Amino acid sequence: MRIRALTSADLAAFNVPDGAFRVPSFAYRVVDGDTIKLMSGRSDALGRPMVAARLRFRSMAAPELRRSSWSDASLLALGVDPNRDCPGHRARETLVGFVRGRDLIVSHQNRYDPHGRLLCDICVLPTRDAGLEEAVSLERVMIARGVAQRFIHEPLPPLRPYETSPFPRL
């Protein structure tokens, strides 16, 4: 199976290819435990980076991030991190840890959630030179780590969706 590489031109044109595609590590940012932004490589009139697309895991949900409060600065000054035990921050940090510096494989069927995010299965490649068969489902990993919940009505992707061996790994 061939996976199309997402190019800078695709991102600049706000174009997300159909089917599955590879996203280089420089082209995305983690928003929270279940949302990733594809960056266009362009900036708006105020110099802020523009988003080409927002991706949402199809088969799982992570807790929401804690919103900042007026008391956060006071707590931080006292050495208390108000986000320390926040499940949403734990989910985000887990996802960031798995994808940092790694390319992603994104597969979708042109379905969007009510917030306009593209519903996807997202895999991570362990190294830049890794073959497609080494891609690991981030949904499976996040659920196994206990930082996300599975959507019962959506099937989970396999742990290694692109593995072609007829023999299971040991």
Protein backbone atom coordinates (compact mmCIF):
# COMPACT_ATOMS: atom_id res chain seq x y z
CA MET A 1 0.00 0.00 0.00
CA ARG A 2 1.32 3.43 -0.90
CA ILE A 3 0.65 6.41 1.30
CA ARG A 4 0.81 9.88 -0.19
CA ALA A 5 3.12 12.32 1.57
CA LEU A 6 1.46 15.57 2.53
CA THR A 7 3.43 18.40 0.94
CA SER A 8 4.01 22.00 1.92
CA ALA A 9 2.01 22.99 -1.16
CA ASP A 10 -0.96 20.92 0.09
CA LEU A 11 -0.82 22.64 3.45
CA ALA A 12 -0.40 26.12 1.98
CA ALA A 13 -3.45 25.50 -0.21
CA PHE A 14 -5.39 24.14 2.80
CA ASN A 15 -5.73 20.87 0.88
CA VAL A 16 -6.08 17.57 2.75
CA PRO A 17 -5.76 14.57 0.42
CA ASP A 18 -8.42 11.87 0.32
CA GLY A 19 -7.71 8.54 1.97
CA ALA A 20 -4.44 8.07 3.83
CA PHE A 21 -1.45 10.41 3.87
CA ARG A 22 1.81 10.97 5.73
CA VAL A 23 2.28 14.15 7.76
CA PRO A 24 5.87 15.26 8.45
CA SER A 25 6.69 16.10 12.06
CA PHE A 26 7.13 19.83 11.35
CA ALA A 27 3.64 20.20 9.88
CA TYR A 28 1.40 19.59 12.90
CA ARG A 29 0.76 20.67 16.49
CA VAL A 30 -1.04 18.82 19.27
CA VAL A 31 -4.01 20.82 20.57
CA ASP A 32 -5.23 18.45 23.27
CA GLY A 33 -5.48 14.71 23.89
CA ASP A 34 -7.68 14.05 20.86
CA THR A 35 -7.07 16.92 18.41
CA ILE A 36 -4.13 17.73 16.14
CA LYS A 37 -3.77 20.81 13.92
CA LEU A 38 -2.13 20.66 10.51
CA MET A 39 -0.24 23.91 10.07
CA SER A 40 -0.41 25.61 6.68
CA GLY A 41 3.08 27.08 6.80
CA ARG A 42 1.54 30.50 6.19
CA SER A 43 0.77 33.34 8.58
CA ASP A 44 -2.20 35.66 8.79
CA ALA A 45 -1.97 39.46 8.65
CA LEU A 46 -1.00 39.56 12.34
CA GLY A 47 1.79 37.03 11.86
CA ARG A 48 -0.03 34.15 13.55
CA PRO A 49 0.43 30.68 12.03
CA MET A 50 -2.57 29.55 9.99
CA VAL A 51 -4.16 26.14 10.42
CA ALA A 52 -4.76 24.05 7.28
CA ALA A 53 -7.00 21.49 9.01
CA ARG A 54 -7.95 20.17 12.42
CA LEU A 55 -7.85 16.41 12.92
CA ARG A 56 -9.88 14.53 15.54
CA PHE A 57 -9.40 10.90 16.51
CA ARG A 58 -12.36 8.95 15.15
CA SER A 59 -12.63 6.26 17.80
CA MET A 60 -11.69 7.92 21.11
CA ALA A 61 -12.16 10.96 23.29
CA ALA A 62 -9.76 12.48 25.78
CA PRO A 63 -10.78 14.68 28.72
CA GLU A 64 -10.98 18.41 28.09
CA LEU A 65 -8.13 20.68 29.07
CA ARG A 66 -8.62 22.72 32.21
CA ARG A 67 -9.37 26.34 31.45
CA SER A 68 -7.15 28.98 32.99
CA SER A 69 -8.45 30.78 36.04
CA TRP A 70 -7.73 34.13 37.63
CA SER A 71 -6.16 32.28 40.59
CA ASP A 72 -3.59 30.35 38.52
CA ALA A 73 -0.87 33.01 38.86
CA SER A 74 -1.25 33.05 42.65
CA LEU A 75 -1.08 29.27 42.84
CA LEU A 76 1.98 29.13 40.60
CA ALA A 77 3.67 31.81 42.74
CA LEU A 78 3.12 29.52 45.74
CA GLY A 79 4.68 26.60 43.87
CA VAL A 80 1.38 24.84 43.21
CA ASP A 81 0.69 23.73 39.64
CA PRO A 82 -3.07 24.02 39.08
CA ASN A 83 -2.84 21.65 36.10
CA ARG A 84 -0.90 18.90 37.88
CA ASP A 85 -3.79 16.49 38.33
CA CYS A 86 -5.85 17.55 35.32
CA PRO A 87 -6.77 14.50 33.19
CA GLY A 88 -6.96 16.66 30.06
CA HIS A 89 -3.40 17.89 30.50
CA ARG A 90 -2.21 14.36 31.23
CA ALA A 91 -3.83 13.17 27.97
CA ARG A 92 -2.27 16.02 25.99
CA GLU A 93 1.19 15.43 27.44
CA THR A 94 0.91 11.70 26.73
CA LEU A 95 0.02 12.39 23.09
CA VAL A 96 2.80 14.98 22.75
CA GLY A 97 5.27 12.45 24.16
CA PHE A 98 4.29 9.84 21.59
CA VAL A 99 4.38 12.10 18.53
CA ARG A 100 7.22 14.53 19.28
CA GLY A 101 9.55 14.63 16.28
CA ARG A 102 7.73 11.80 14.50
CA ASP A 103 5.76 11.62 11.28
CA LEU A 104 2.09 10.65 11.36
CA ILE A 105 -0.02 8.51 9.06
CA VAL A 106 -3.56 9.89 8.81
CA SER A 107 -6.44 7.92 7.34
CA HIS A 108 -9.93 9.36 6.92
CA GLN A 109 -13.21 8.97 5.07
CA ASN A 110 -14.20 12.65 4.75
CA ARG A 111 -16.31 12.66 7.92
CA TYR A 112 -16.33 15.71 10.18
CA ASP A 113 -17.46 16.29 13.75
CA PRO A 114 -19.80 19.17 14.72
CA HIS A 115 -16.76 21.40 15.36
CA GLY A 116 -15.44 21.00 11.81
CA ARG A 117 -12.63 18.60 12.69
CA LEU A 118 -11.80 15.81 10.25
CA LEU A 119 -12.44 12.43 11.92
CA CYS A 120 -9.36 10.25 11.42
CA ASP A 121 -7.41 7.21 12.42
CA ILE A 122 -3.94 8.47 13.25
CA CYS A 123 -0.79 6.38 13.51
CA VAL A 124 2.72 7.34 14.50
CA LEU A 125 5.92 6.11 12.87
CA PRO A 126 8.66 5.22 15.38
CA THR A 127 11.44 6.78 13.27
CA ARG A 128 11.72 8.95 10.17
CA ASP A 129 12.98 5.96 8.15
CA ALA A 130 10.37 3.52 9.47
CA GLY A 131 8.30 1.59 7.00
CA LEU A 132 4.54 1.86 6.90
CA GLU A 133 4.16 -1.58 8.50
CA GLU A 134 5.78 -0.16 11.67
CA ALA A 135 3.09 2.51 12.15
CA VAL A 136 1.29 2.23 15.50
CA SER A 137 -2.29 3.35 16.16
CA LEU A 138 -2.32 6.32 18.51
CA GLU A 139 -5.94 5.57 19.46
CA ARG A 140 -4.93 2.13 20.74
CA VAL A 141 -1.95 3.53 22.64
CA MET A 142 -3.89 6.38 24.27
CA ILE A 143 -6.68 4.04 25.37
CA ALA A 144 -4.19 1.46 26.67
CA ARG A 145 -2.46 4.19 28.69
CA GLY A 146 -5.78 5.10 30.28
CA VAL A 147 -5.78 8.74 29.18
CA ALA A 148 -8.63 8.43 26.65
CA GLN A 149 -11.97 6.67 26.38
CA ARG A 150 -13.12 4.59 23.45
CA PHE A 151 -16.25 5.51 21.51
CA ILE A 152 -18.30 2.33 21.69
CA HIS A 153 -20.08 3.03 18.38
CA GLU A 154 -16.79 3.32 16.43
CA PRO A 155 -14.52 0.33 15.79
CA LEU A 156 -10.94 0.71 16.96
CA PRO A 157 -8.22 0.48 14.32
CA PRO A 158 -5.73 -2.38 14.69
CA LEU A 159 -2.61 -1.65 16.75
CA ARG A 160 -0.54 -1.90 13.56
CA PRO A 161 -3.01 -1.08 10.77
CA TYR A 162 -0.54 -1.37 7.90
CA GLU A 163 1.24 -4.54 8.97
CA THR A 164 1.13 -7.07 6.15
CA SER A 165 2.61 -10.16 7.78
CA PRO A 166 0.17 -13.07 8.06
CA PHE A 167 1.88 -14.03 11.32
CA PRO A 168 1.18 -12.13 14.54
CA ARG A 169 4.03 -10.36 16.30
CA LEU A 170 5.36 -11.98 19.45
